[in-house]
Amino acid sequence: MVQIITLDERIFNVKIRKAGSSYFFHDGWFNMIQLLLLPNNSLLMFQYEGSLTFRLIYFYKDFALAQGDFLHCQTSQFSEHKDH
């Protein structure tokens, strides 16, 4: 279980699931999306703050507006860069 904190300090508890070598937000995720009223095709940006906590720092209302170099982060980078 991780916590996702919005910029206005709302806290959502979300379970993480592993599939292969990737990790995904799962249980609790849909509830957060509904409560934040996020439209389809939104791109969410997170900052890992340690201790299983992520800060939701930005989202694009239209996924097509996002720059391609922001779209992927390898799981191995979490141990290499503490600000991911």
C-alpha atoms as a PDB file:
ATOM      1  CA  MET A   1       0.000   0.000   0.000  1.00  0.00           C
ATOM      2  CA  VAL A   2       1.294   3.485  -0.897  1.00  0.00           C
ATOM      3  CA  GLN A   3       0.005   6.982  -0.268  1.00  0.00           C
ATOM      4  CA  ILE A   4      -0.594   9.467  -3.068  1.00  0.00           C
ATOM      5  CA  ILE A   5      -0.768  13.063  -1.851  1.00  0.00           C
ATOM      6  CA  THR A   6      -2.208  15.851  -4.015  1.00  0.00           C
ATOM      7  CA  LEU A   7      -0.905  19.416  -3.987  1.00  0.00           C
ATOM      8  CA  ASP A   8      -3.907  20.427  -1.864  1.00  0.00           C
ATOM      9  CA  GLU A   9      -2.853  17.730   0.674  1.00  0.00           C
ATOM     10  CA  ARG A  10      -5.581  15.165  -0.036  1.00  0.00           C
ATOM     11  CA  ILE A  11      -4.278  11.669   0.711  1.00  0.00           C
ATOM     12  CA  PHE A  12      -5.240   8.525  -1.200  1.00  0.00           C
ATOM     13  CA  ASN A  13      -4.194   5.010  -0.192  1.00  0.00           C
ATOM     14  CA  VAL A  14      -3.521   2.860  -3.245  1.00  0.00           C
ATOM     15  CA  LYS A  15      -2.342  -0.734  -3.468  1.00  0.00           C
ATOM     16  CA  ILE A  16       0.576  -1.583  -5.767  1.00  0.00           C
ATOM     17  CA  ARG A  17       0.480  -4.701  -7.962  1.00  0.00           C
ATOM     18  CA  LYS A  18       3.452  -6.279  -9.719  1.00  0.00           C
ATOM     19  CA  ALA A  19       3.112  -7.700 -13.247  1.00  0.00           C
ATOM     20  CA  GLY A  20       6.351  -9.074 -14.641  1.00  0.00           C
ATOM     21  CA  SER A  21       9.046  -6.497 -13.949  1.00  0.00           C
ATOM     22  CA  SER A  22       6.578  -3.567 -13.755  1.00  0.00           C
ATOM     23  CA  TYR A  23       4.565  -2.128 -10.876  1.00  0.00           C
ATOM     24  CA  PHE A  24       1.094  -0.613 -11.196  1.00  0.00           C
ATOM     25  CA  PHE A  25      -1.234   1.418  -8.979  1.00  0.00           C
ATOM     26  CA  HIS A  26      -4.268  -0.822  -8.482  1.00  0.00           C
ATOM     27  CA  ASP A  27      -6.824  -1.017  -5.655  1.00  0.00           C
ATOM     28  CA  GLY A  28      -7.871   2.514  -4.682  1.00  0.00           C
ATOM     29  CA  TRP A  29      -6.687   3.999  -7.979  1.00  0.00           C
ATOM     30  CA  PHE A  30     -10.123   4.238  -9.604  1.00  0.00           C
ATOM     31  CA  ASN A  31     -11.555   5.866  -6.469  1.00  0.00           C
ATOM     32  CA  MET A  32      -8.823   8.536  -6.597  1.00  0.00           C
ATOM     33  CA  ILE A  33      -9.467   9.225 -10.308  1.00  0.00           C
ATOM     34  CA  GLN A  34     -13.204   9.634  -9.654  1.00  0.00           C
ATOM     35  CA  LEU A  35     -12.772  11.920  -6.631  1.00  0.00           C
ATOM     36  CA  LEU A  36     -10.283  14.143  -8.477  1.00  0.00           C
ATOM     37  CA  LEU A  37     -12.648  14.310 -11.482  1.00  0.00           C
ATOM     38  CA  LEU A  38      -9.830  13.536 -13.904  1.00  0.00           C
ATOM     39  CA  PRO A  39     -10.905  13.286 -17.549  1.00  0.00           C
ATOM     40  CA  ASN A  40      -9.969  10.405 -19.866  1.00  0.00           C
ATOM     41  CA  ASN A  41      -6.561  10.723 -21.552  1.00  0.00           C
ATOM     42  CA  SER A  42      -5.051  12.582 -18.591  1.00  0.00           C
ATOM     43  CA  LEU A  43      -1.344  12.156 -17.902  1.00  0.00           C
ATOM     44  CA  LEU A  44      -0.433  12.213 -14.216  1.00  0.00           C
ATOM     45  CA  MET A  45       3.048  13.116 -13.013  1.00  0.00           C
ATOM     46  CA  PHE A  46       4.295  11.825  -9.657  1.00  0.00           C
ATOM     47  CA  GLN A  47       7.258  12.568  -7.455  1.00  0.00           C
ATOM     48  CA  TYR A  48       8.437   9.733  -5.204  1.00  0.00           C
ATOM     49  CA  GLU A  49       8.985  11.158  -1.722  1.00  0.00           C
ATOM     50  CA  GLY A  50      10.221   7.994   0.013  1.00  0.00           C
ATOM     51  CA  SER A  51       8.484   5.846   2.614  1.00  0.00           C
ATOM     52  CA  LEU A  52       5.992   4.560   0.015  1.00  0.00           C
ATOM     53  CA  THR A  53       4.653   8.075  -0.627  1.00  0.00           C
ATOM     54  CA  PHE A  54       4.102   9.739  -3.997  1.00  0.00           C
ATOM     55  CA  ARG A  55       3.188  13.382  -4.600  1.00  0.00           C
ATOM     56  CA  LEU A  56       0.824  14.013  -7.515  1.00  0.00           C
ATOM     57  CA  ILE A  57       2.508  17.089  -8.950  1.00  0.00           C
ATOM     58  CA  TYR A  58       0.881  17.649 -12.339  1.00  0.00           C
ATOM     59  CA  PHE A  59      -1.506  16.288 -14.898  1.00  0.00           C
ATOM     60  CA  TYR A  60      -2.257  17.032 -18.518  1.00  0.00           C
ATOM     61  CA  LYS A  61      -5.938  17.051 -19.394  1.00  0.00           C
ATOM     62  CA  ASP A  62      -4.987  15.803 -22.850  1.00  0.00           C
ATOM     63  CA  PHE A  63      -2.377  13.051 -23.045  1.00  0.00           C
ATOM     64  CA  ALA A  64      -1.357  14.243 -26.545  1.00  0.00           C
ATOM     65  CA  LEU A  65       0.036  17.491 -25.061  1.00  0.00           C
ATOM     66  CA  ALA A  66       2.654  15.691 -22.972  1.00  0.00           C
ATOM     67  CA  GLN A  67       6.262  15.547 -24.088  1.00  0.00           C
ATOM     68  CA  GLY A  68       7.420  12.021 -24.929  1.00  0.00           C
ATOM     69  CA  ASP A  69      10.484  12.080 -22.668  1.00  0.00           C
ATOM     70  CA  PHE A  70       8.258  12.296 -19.557  1.00  0.00           C
ATOM     71  CA  LEU A  71       6.346   9.113 -20.286  1.00  0.00           C
ATOM     72  CA  HIS A  72       8.543   6.336 -18.923  1.00  0.00           C
ATOM     73  CA  CYS A  73      10.758   5.584 -15.954  1.00  0.00           C
ATOM     74  CA  GLN A  74      12.515   2.242 -15.535  1.00  0.00           C
ATOM     75  CA  THR A  75      11.972   0.593 -12.141  1.00  0.00           C
ATOM     76  CA  SER A  76      15.753   0.265 -11.728  1.00  0.00           C
ATOM     77  CA  GLN A  77      15.989   4.077 -11.738  1.00  0.00           C
ATOM     78  CA  PHE A  78      14.168   4.272  -8.408  1.00  0.00           C
ATOM     79  CA  SER A  79      17.255   3.048  -6.583  1.00  0.00           C
ATOM     80  CA  GLU A  80      19.613   5.206  -8.659  1.00  0.00           C
ATOM     81  CA  HIS A  81      17.777   8.540  -8.380  1.00  0.00           C
ATOM     82  CA  LYS A  82      16.081   9.435  -5.123  1.00  0.00           C
ATOM     83  CA  ASP A  83      13.979  12.188  -6.741  1.00  0.00           C
ATOM     84  CA  HIS A  84      11.996   9.797  -9.012  1.00  0.00           C
END
